[in-house]
Structure formats: structure tokens, C-alpha cells
Amino acid sequence: MKGLKMTDLKKPVKRVSFGYVRELGRPREVVVILRPPNVIGFRAKGCRKEYQLTTECCYTMAVKADMLAKRREKAKRKKVKK
């Protein structure tokens, strides 16, 4: 992966994900919007309400979720061992 060049985020980028949420009574795809300089927006496809987080917040939440999953797995293994 050495030498991998990334493009700076200079304009908003929207993508439809494979994830689904239940919104307004039916399942809808999740739209992800990357906004400069460091905001990630989420909304249900076909809906206007958007929820935004900073990239720092998303990173922190992902790290905490990973740590929690590892703790649960370790506790589960410890419980099975007894």
C-alpha cells in the first residue's frame, strides 16, 4: 500500500450504501454524504432529514465499538472456560 495517494475532499460526495433502515414505515437504503472539511452525513433514501457527525466522532465511536466487542468476546471465552 506504499505510495497510495488519496484525493482531498473539496466538494460533497454522496453514495448509496448497502445498509437499510426503517424510516417512514418501510425499509430504505442509507445515503452517506461526505462533506468538506470533516463532516459525514447520513439519511434514508427518499427522505430529507440528515444526521451529521464529524469524522473524529465517527472514528472515536468505531474504536469504542471495537473495544466493547473485544471485551464481550473475552468475557464470553472466560465464561465458557469455567
PDB file of N, CA and C in Angstrom:
ATOM      1  N   MET A   1       0.816  -1.193   0.000  1.00  0.00           N
ATOM      2  CA  MET A   1       0.000   0.000   0.000  1.00  0.00           C
ATOM      3  C   MET A   1       0.860   1.257   0.000  1.00  0.00           C
ATOM      4  N   LYS A   2       2.173   1.091  -0.038  1.00  0.00           N
ATOM      5  CA  LYS A   2       3.051   2.251  -0.049  1.00  0.00           C
ATOM      6  C   LYS A   2       2.869   3.016  -1.356  1.00  0.00           C
ATOM      7  N   GLY A   3       2.857   4.317  -1.239  1.00  0.00           N
ATOM      8  CA  GLY A   3       2.710   5.136  -2.426  1.00  0.00           C
ATOM      9  C   GLY A   3       1.254   5.410  -2.790  1.00  0.00           C
ATOM     10  N   LEU A   4       0.313   4.990  -1.928  1.00  0.00           N
ATOM     11  CA  LEU A   4      -1.100   5.215  -2.200  1.00  0.00           C
ATOM     12  C   LEU A   4      -1.419   6.690  -2.031  1.00  0.00           C
ATOM     13  N   LYS A   5      -1.937   7.294  -3.064  1.00  0.00           N
ATOM     14  CA  LYS A   5      -2.291   8.706  -2.993  1.00  0.00           C
ATOM     15  C   LYS A   5      -3.802   8.834  -2.823  1.00  0.00           C
ATOM     16  N   MET A   6      -4.190   9.721  -1.918  1.00  0.00           N
ATOM     17  CA  MET A   6      -5.607   9.963  -1.681  1.00  0.00           C
ATOM     18  C   MET A   6      -5.968  11.362  -2.136  1.00  0.00           C
ATOM     19  N   THR A   7      -7.191  11.510  -2.597  1.00  0.00           N
ATOM     20  CA  THR A   7      -7.688  12.791  -3.046  1.00  0.00           C
ATOM     21  C   THR A   7      -8.259  13.563  -1.867  1.00  0.00           C
ATOM     22  N   ASP A   8      -7.929  14.845  -1.784  1.00  0.00           N
ATOM     23  CA  ASP A   8      -8.511  15.698  -0.749  1.00  0.00           C
ATOM     24  C   ASP A   8      -9.996  15.894  -1.021  1.00  0.00           C
ATOM     25  N   LEU A   9     -10.768  15.979   0.044  1.00  0.00           N
ATOM     26  CA  LEU A   9     -12.219  16.193  -0.075  1.00  0.00           C
ATOM     27  C   LEU A   9     -12.476  17.687  -0.240  1.00  0.00           C
ATOM     28  N   LYS A  10     -12.841  18.091  -1.439  1.00  0.00           N
ATOM     29  CA  LYS A  10     -13.068  19.506  -1.720  1.00  0.00           C
ATOM     30  C   LYS A  10     -14.521  19.828  -2.017  1.00  0.00           C
ATOM     31  N   LYS A  11     -15.306  18.810  -2.377  1.00  0.00           N
ATOM     32  CA  LYS A  11     -16.733  19.025  -2.622  1.00  0.00           C
ATOM     33  C   LYS A  11     -17.504  17.832  -2.074  1.00  0.00           C
ATOM     34  N   PRO A  12     -18.782  17.991  -1.765  1.00  0.00           N
ATOM     35  CA  PRO A  12     -19.566  16.884  -1.192  1.00  0.00           C
ATOM     36  C   PRO A  12     -19.650  15.685  -2.144  1.00  0.00           C
ATOM     37  N   VAL A  13     -19.598  14.494  -1.554  1.00  0.00           N
ATOM     38  CA  VAL A  13     -19.714  13.251  -2.311  1.00  0.00           C
ATOM     39  C   VAL A  13     -20.837  12.429  -1.678  1.00  0.00           C
ATOM     40  N   LYS A  14     -21.816  11.997  -2.489  1.00  0.00           N
ATOM     41  CA  LYS A  14     -22.938  11.184  -1.994  1.00  0.00           C
ATOM     42  C   LYS A  14     -22.845   9.787  -2.567  1.00  0.00           C
ATOM     43  N   ARG A  15     -23.148   8.801  -1.706  1.00  0.00           N
ATOM     44  CA  ARG A  15     -23.177   7.402  -2.144  1.00  0.00           C
ATOM     45  C   ARG A  15     -24.308   6.686  -1.425  1.00  0.00           C
ATOM     46  N   VAL A  16     -24.958   5.766  -2.122  1.00  0.00           N
ATOM     47  CA  VAL A  16     -25.993   4.922  -1.517  1.00  0.00           C
ATOM     48  C   VAL A  16     -25.301   3.659  -1.020  1.00  0.00           C
ATOM     49  N   SER A  17     -25.510   3.335   0.251  1.00  0.00           N
ATOM     50  CA  SER A  17     -24.860   2.164   0.834  1.00  0.00           C
ATOM     51  C   SER A  17     -25.742   0.928   0.664  1.00  0.00           C
ATOM     52  N   PHE A  18     -25.216  -0.217   1.088  1.00  0.00           N
ATOM     53  CA  PHE A  18     -25.986  -1.453   1.051  1.00  0.00           C
ATOM     54  C   PHE A  18     -26.830  -1.620   2.305  1.00  0.00           C
ATOM     55  N   GLY A  19     -26.647  -0.732   3.286  1.00  0.00           N
ATOM     56  CA  GLY A  19     -27.406  -0.815   4.540  1.00  0.00           C
ATOM     57  C   GLY A  19     -28.836  -0.310   4.378  1.00  0.00           C
ATOM     58  N   TYR A  20     -29.724  -0.855   5.196  1.00  0.00           N
ATOM     59  CA  TYR A  20     -31.129  -0.444   5.197  1.00  0.00           C
ATOM     60  C   TYR A  20     -31.543  -0.023   6.601  1.00  0.00           C
ATOM     61  N   VAL A  21     -32.433   0.967   6.679  1.00  0.00           N
ATOM     62  CA  VAL A  21     -33.047   1.393   7.934  1.00  0.00           C
ATOM     63  C   VAL A  21     -34.549   1.489   7.704  1.00  0.00           C
ATOM     64  N   ARG A  22     -35.297   1.376   8.794  1.00  0.00           N
ATOM     65  CA  ARG A  22     -36.745   1.519   8.682  1.00  0.00           C
ATOM     66  C   ARG A  22     -37.077   2.980   8.941  1.00  0.00           C
ATOM     67  N   GLU A  23     -37.624   3.644   7.934  1.00  0.00           N
ATOM     68  CA  GLU A  23     -37.947   5.060   8.027  1.00  0.00           C
ATOM     69  C   GLU A  23     -39.292   5.300   7.340  1.00  0.00           C
ATOM     70  N   LEU A  24     -40.152   6.028   8.007  1.00  0.00           N
ATOM     71  CA  LEU A  24     -41.490   6.334   7.484  1.00  0.00           C
ATOM     72  C   LEU A  24     -42.255   5.065   7.095  1.00  0.00           C
ATOM     73  N   GLY A  25     -42.120   4.041   7.907  1.00  0.00           N
ATOM     74  CA  GLY A  25     -42.911   2.833   7.739  1.00  0.00           C
ATOM     75  C   GLY A  25     -42.417   1.806   6.754  1.00  0.00           C
ATOM     76  N   ARG A  26     -41.238   2.002   6.189  1.00  0.00           N
ATOM     77  CA  ARG A  26     -40.720   0.989   5.266  1.00  0.00           C
ATOM     78  C   ARG A  26     -39.203   1.007   5.241  1.00  0.00           C
ATOM     79  N   PRO A  27     -38.592  -0.085   4.802  1.00  0.00           N
ATOM     80  CA  PRO A  27     -37.127  -0.118   4.742  1.00  0.00           C
ATOM     81  C   PRO A  27     -36.604   0.776   3.614  1.00  0.00           C
ATOM     82  N   ARG A  28     -35.569   1.533   3.931  1.00  0.00           N
ATOM     83  CA  ARG A  28     -34.965   2.425   2.935  1.00  0.00           C
ATOM     84  C   ARG A  28     -33.441   2.287   2.999  1.00  0.00           C
ATOM     85  N   GLU A  29     -32.811   2.501   1.851  1.00  0.00           N
ATOM     86  CA  GLU A  29     -31.355   2.459   1.800  1.00  0.00           C
ATOM     87  C   GLU A  29     -30.783   3.671   2.531  1.00  0.00           C
ATOM     88  N   VAL A  30     -29.559   3.533   3.029  1.00  0.00           N
ATOM     89  CA  VAL A  30     -28.890   4.628   3.713  1.00  0.00           C
ATOM     90  C   VAL A  30     -27.991   5.363   2.719  1.00  0.00           C
ATOM     91  N   VAL A  31     -28.143   6.686   2.679  1.00  0.00           N
ATOM     92  CA  VAL A  31     -27.307   7.529   1.839  1.00  0.00           C
ATOM     93  C   VAL A  31     -26.233   8.144   2.739  1.00  0.00           C
ATOM     94  N   VAL A  32     -24.986   8.051   2.304  1.00  0.00           N
ATOM     95  CA  VAL A  32     -23.860   8.609   3.053  1.00  0.00           C
ATOM     96  C   VAL A  32     -23.311   9.792   2.264  1.00  0.00           C
ATOM     97  N   ILE A  33     -23.153  10.939   2.945  1.00  0.00           N
ATOM     98  CA  ILE A  33     -22.646  12.145   2.300  1.00  0.00           C
ATOM     99  C   ILE A  33     -21.372  12.582   3.017  1.00  0.00           C
ATOM    100  N   LEU A  34     -20.280  12.682   2.283  1.00  0.00           N
ATOM    101  CA  LEU A  34     -19.022  13.208   2.823  1.00  0.00           C
ATOM    102  C   LEU A  34     -18.963  14.688   2.466  1.00  0.00           C
ATOM    103  N   ARG A  35     -18.872  15.536   3.489  1.00  0.00           N
ATOM    104  CA  ARG A  35     -18.838  16.981   3.266  1.00  0.00           C
ATOM    105  C   ARG A  35     -17.510  17.555   3.769  1.00  0.00           C
ATOM    106  N   PRO A  36     -16.909  18.439   2.981  1.00  0.00           N
ATOM    107  CA  PRO A  36     -15.671  19.058   3.452  1.00  0.00           C
ATOM    108  C   PRO A  36     -15.973  20.019   4.602  1.00  0.00           C
ATOM    109  N   PRO A  37     -15.084  20.232   5.541  1.00  0.00           N
ATOM    110  CA  PRO A  37     -13.776  19.610   5.622  1.00  0.00           C
ATOM    111  C   PRO A  37     -13.797  18.275   6.351  1.00  0.00           C
ATOM    112  N   ASN A  38     -14.758  18.037   7.281  1.00  0.00           N
ATOM    113  CA  ASN A  38     -14.691  16.792   8.062  1.00  0.00           C
ATOM    114  C   ASN A  38     -16.047  16.352   8.605  1.00  0.00           C
ATOM    115  N   VAL A  39     -17.074  16.396   7.787  1.00  0.00           N
ATOM    116  CA  VAL A  39     -18.420  16.029   8.237  1.00  0.00           C
ATOM    117  C   VAL A  39     -18.940  14.860   7.403  1.00  0.00           C
ATOM    118  N   ILE A  40     -19.559  13.899   8.093  1.00  0.00           N
ATOM    119  CA  ILE A  40     -20.210  12.776   7.417  1.00  0.00           C
ATOM    120  C   ILE A  40     -21.697  12.875   7.719  1.00  0.00           C
ATOM    121  N   GLY A  41     -22.517  12.874   6.687  1.00  0.00           N
ATOM    122  CA  GLY A  41     -23.964  12.944   6.848  1.00  0.00           C
ATOM    123  C   GLY A  41     -24.598  11.621   6.478  1.00  0.00           C
ATOM    124  N   PHE A  42     -25.698  11.304   7.160  1.00  0.00           N
ATOM    125  CA  PHE A  42     -26.455  10.081   6.887  1.00  0.00           C
ATOM    126  C   PHE A  42     -27.917  10.449   6.737  1.00  0.00           C
ATOM    127  N   ARG A  43     -28.587   9.829   5.771  1.00  0.00           N
ATOM    128  CA  ARG A  43     -30.035   9.997   5.647  1.00  0.00           C
ATOM    129  C   ARG A  43     -30.619   8.770   4.969  1.00  0.00           C
ATOM    130  N   ALA A  44     -31.911   8.576   5.159  1.00  0.00           N
ATOM    131  CA  ALA A  44     -32.608   7.489   4.473  1.00  0.00           C
ATOM    132  C   ALA A  44     -32.938   7.959   3.057  1.00  0.00           C
ATOM    133  N   LYS A  45     -32.764   7.091   2.086  1.00  0.00           N
ATOM    134  CA  LYS A  45     -33.032   7.442   0.697  1.00  0.00           C
ATOM    135  C   LYS A  45     -34.496   7.831   0.545  1.00  0.00           C
ATOM    136  N   GLY A  46     -34.734   8.964  -0.079  1.00  0.00           N
ATOM    137  CA  GLY A  46     -36.088   9.450  -0.268  1.00  0.00           C
ATOM    138  C   GLY A  46     -36.573  10.351   0.862  1.00  0.00           C
ATOM    139  N   CYS A  47     -35.731  10.573   1.863  1.00  0.00           N
ATOM    140  CA  CYS A  47     -36.071  11.442   2.987  1.00  0.00           C
ATOM    141  C   CYS A  47     -35.113  12.634   3.006  1.00  0.00           C
ATOM    142  N   ARG A  48     -35.564  13.731   3.570  1.00  0.00           N
ATOM    143  CA  ARG A  48     -34.746  14.940   3.597  1.00  0.00           C
ATOM    144  C   ARG A  48     -33.932  15.102   4.867  1.00  0.00           C
ATOM    145  N   LYS A  49     -34.417  14.557   5.974  1.00  0.00           N
ATOM    146  CA  LYS A  49     -33.751  14.728   7.262  1.00  0.00           C
ATOM    147  C   LYS A  49     -32.392  14.056   7.236  1.00  0.00           C
ATOM    148  N   GLU A  50     -31.351  14.842   7.508  1.00  0.00           N
ATOM    149  CA  GLU A  50     -29.987  14.331   7.501  1.00  0.00           C
ATOM    150  C   GLU A  50     -29.394  14.442   8.906  1.00  0.00           C
ATOM    151  N   TYR A  51     -28.635  13.433   9.284  1.00  0.00           N
ATOM    152  CA  TYR A  51     -27.954  13.404  10.565  1.00  0.00           C
ATOM    153  C   TYR A  51     -26.459  13.503  10.290  1.00  0.00           C
ATOM    154  N   GLN A  52     -25.769  14.417  10.996  1.00  0.00           N
ATOM    155  CA  GLN A  52     -24.360  14.659  10.713  1.00  0.00           C
ATOM    156  C   GLN A  52     -23.476  14.388  11.928  1.00  0.00           C
ATOM    157  N   LEU A  53     -22.285  13.890  11.651  1.00  0.00           N
ATOM    158  CA  LEU A  53     -21.250  13.668  12.654  1.00  0.00           C
ATOM    159  C   LEU A  53     -19.927  14.128  12.062  1.00  0.00           C
ATOM    160  N   THR A  54     -19.003  14.507  12.931  1.00  0.00           N
ATOM    161  CA  THR A  54     -17.661  14.814  12.432  1.00  0.00           C
ATOM    162  C   THR A  54     -16.913  13.503  12.217  1.00  0.00           C
ATOM    163  N   THR A  55     -15.874  13.565  11.414  1.00  0.00           N
ATOM    164  CA  THR A  55     -15.086  12.359  11.172  1.00  0.00           C
ATOM    165  C   THR A  55     -14.403  11.893  12.458  1.00  0.00           C
ATOM    166  N   GLU A  56     -14.021  12.837  13.310  1.00  0.00           N
ATOM    167  CA  GLU A  56     -13.391  12.474  14.583  1.00  0.00           C
ATOM    168  C   GLU A  56     -14.360  11.689  15.454  1.00  0.00           C
ATOM    169  N   CYS A  57     -15.610  12.126  15.488  1.00  0.00           N
ATOM    170  CA  CYS A  57     -16.640  11.453  16.283  1.00  0.00           C
ATOM    171  C   CYS A  57     -16.884  10.038  15.749  1.00  0.00           C
ATOM    172  N   CYS A  58     -16.984   9.888  14.432  1.00  0.00           N
ATOM    173  CA  CYS A  58     -17.186   8.564  13.831  1.00  0.00           C
ATOM    174  C   CYS A  58     -16.019   7.632  14.159  1.00  0.00           C
ATOM    175  N   TYR A  59     -14.805   8.151  14.087  1.00  0.00           N
ATOM    176  CA  TYR A  59     -13.621   7.348  14.392  1.00  0.00           C
ATOM    177  C   TYR A  59     -13.653   6.891  15.845  1.00  0.00           C
ATOM    178  N   THR A  60     -13.928   7.825  16.757  1.00  0.00           N
ATOM    179  CA  THR A  60     -13.984   7.502  18.180  1.00  0.00           C
ATOM    180  C   THR A  60     -15.058   6.459  18.467  1.00  0.00           C
ATOM    181  N   MET A  61     -16.230   6.607  17.855  1.00  0.00           N
ATOM    182  CA  MET A  61     -17.318   5.645  18.051  1.00  0.00           C
ATOM    183  C   MET A  61     -16.923   4.269  17.534  1.00  0.00           C
ATOM    184  N   ALA A  62     -16.226   4.205  16.397  1.00  0.00           N
ATOM    185  CA  ALA A  62     -15.799   2.926  15.830  1.00  0.00           C
ATOM    186  C   ALA A  62     -14.776   2.244  16.733  1.00  0.00           C
ATOM    187  N   VAL A  63     -13.833   3.015  17.287  1.00  0.00           N
ATOM    188  CA  VAL A  63     -12.826   2.451  18.190  1.00  0.00           C
ATOM    189  C   VAL A  63     -13.500   1.913  19.452  1.00  0.00           C
ATOM    190  N   LYS A  64     -14.438   2.681  20.020  1.00  0.00           N
ATOM    191  CA  LYS A  64     -15.138   2.242  21.235  1.00  0.00           C
ATOM    192  C   LYS A  64     -15.961   0.981  20.973  1.00  0.00           C
ATOM    193  N   ALA A  65     -16.626   0.914  19.814  1.00  0.00           N
ATOM    194  CA  ALA A  65     -17.415  -0.273  19.475  1.00  0.00           C
ATOM    195  C   ALA A  65     -16.517  -1.497  19.329  1.00  0.00           C
ATOM    196  N   ASP A  66     -15.346  -1.323  18.728  1.00  0.00           N
ATOM    197  CA  ASP A  66     -14.400  -2.420  18.578  1.00  0.00           C
ATOM    198  C   ASP A  66     -13.897  -2.899  19.939  1.00  0.00           C
ATOM    199  N   MET A  67     -13.555  -1.959  20.815  1.00  0.00           N
ATOM    200  CA  MET A  67     -13.081  -2.322  22.156  1.00  0.00           C
ATOM    201  C   MET A  67     -14.165  -3.068  22.925  1.00  0.00           C
ATOM    202  N   LEU A  68     -15.399  -2.604  22.838  1.00  0.00           N
ATOM    203  CA  LEU A  68     -16.509  -3.248  23.534  1.00  0.00           C
ATOM    204  C   LEU A  68     -16.732  -4.669  23.011  1.00  0.00           C
ATOM    205  N   ALA A  69     -16.661  -4.840  21.688  1.00  0.00           N
ATOM    206  CA  ALA A  69     -16.832  -6.169  21.096  1.00  0.00           C
ATOM    207  C   ALA A  69     -15.732  -7.121  21.572  1.00  0.00           C
ATOM    208  N   LYS A  70     -14.505  -6.626  21.649  1.00  0.00           N
ATOM    209  CA  LYS A  70     -13.394  -7.466  22.112  1.00  0.00           C
ATOM    210  C   LYS A  70     -13.566  -7.842  23.587  1.00  0.00           C
ATOM    211  N   ARG A  71     -14.027  -6.896  24.410  1.00  0.00           N
ATOM    212  CA  ARG A  71     -14.276  -7.190  25.827  1.00  0.00           C
ATOM    213  C   ARG A  71     -15.358  -8.248  25.983  1.00  0.00           C
ATOM    214  N   ARG A  72     -16.428  -8.113  25.200  1.00  0.00           N
ATOM    215  CA  ARG A  72     -17.520  -9.097  25.278  1.00  0.00           C
ATOM    216  C   ARG A  72     -17.046 -10.470  24.846  1.00  0.00           C
ATOM    217  N   GLU A  73     -16.253 -10.524  23.786  1.00  0.00           N
ATOM    218  CA  GLU A  73     -15.726 -11.801  23.299  1.00  0.00           C
ATOM    219  C   GLU A  73     -14.824 -12.436  24.350  1.00  0.00           C
ATOM    220  N   LYS A  74     -13.988 -11.627  24.979  1.00  0.00           N
ATOM    221  CA  LYS A  74     -13.086 -12.131  26.017  1.00  0.00           C
ATOM    222  C   LYS A  74     -13.883 -12.646  27.212  1.00  0.00           C
ATOM    223  N   ALA A  75     -14.926 -11.916  27.624  1.00  0.00           N
ATOM    224  CA  ALA A  75     -15.763 -12.346  28.746  1.00  0.00           C
ATOM    225  C   ALA A  75     -16.507 -13.633  28.397  1.00  0.00           C
ATOM    226  N   LYS A  76     -16.934 -13.751  27.160  1.00  0.00           N
ATOM    227  CA  LYS A  76     -17.641 -14.954  26.706  1.00  0.00           C
ATOM    228  C   LYS A  76     -16.717 -16.165  26.750  1.00  0.00           C
ATOM    229  N   ARG A  77     -15.468 -15.991  26.280  1.00  0.00           N
ATOM    230  CA  ARG A  77     -14.499 -17.085  26.319  1.00  0.00           C
ATOM    231  C   ARG A  77     -14.167 -17.473  27.753  1.00  0.00           C
ATOM    232  N   LYS A  78     -14.049 -16.466  28.609  1.00  0.00           N
ATOM    233  CA  LYS A  78     -13.747 -16.712  30.023  1.00  0.00           C
ATOM    234  C   LYS A  78     -14.887 -17.476  30.700  1.00  0.00           C
ATOM    235  N   LYS A  79     -16.125 -17.128  30.352  1.00  0.00           N
ATOM    236  CA  LYS A  79     -17.299 -17.785  30.929  1.00  0.00           C
ATOM    237  C   LYS A  79     -17.395 -19.239  30.470  1.00  0.00           C
ATOM    238  N   VAL A  80     -17.097 -19.495  29.203  1.00  0.00           N
ATOM    239  CA  VAL A  80     -17.134 -20.852  28.646  1.00  0.00           C
ATOM    240  C   VAL A  80     -16.027 -21.708  29.276  1.00  0.00           C
ATOM    241  N   LYS A  81     -14.898 -21.097  29.583  1.00  0.00           N
ATOM    242  CA  LYS A  81     -13.764 -21.810  30.143  1.00  0.00           C
ATOM    243  C   LYS A  81     -14.065 -22.358  31.531  1.00  0.00           C
ATOM    244  N   LYS A  82     -14.880 -21.621  32.303  1.00  0.00           N
ATOM    245  CA  LYS A  82     -15.194 -22.048  33.686  1.00  0.00           C
ATOM    246  C   LYS A  82     -16.080 -23.218  33.748  1.00  0.00           C
TER     247      LYS A  82
END
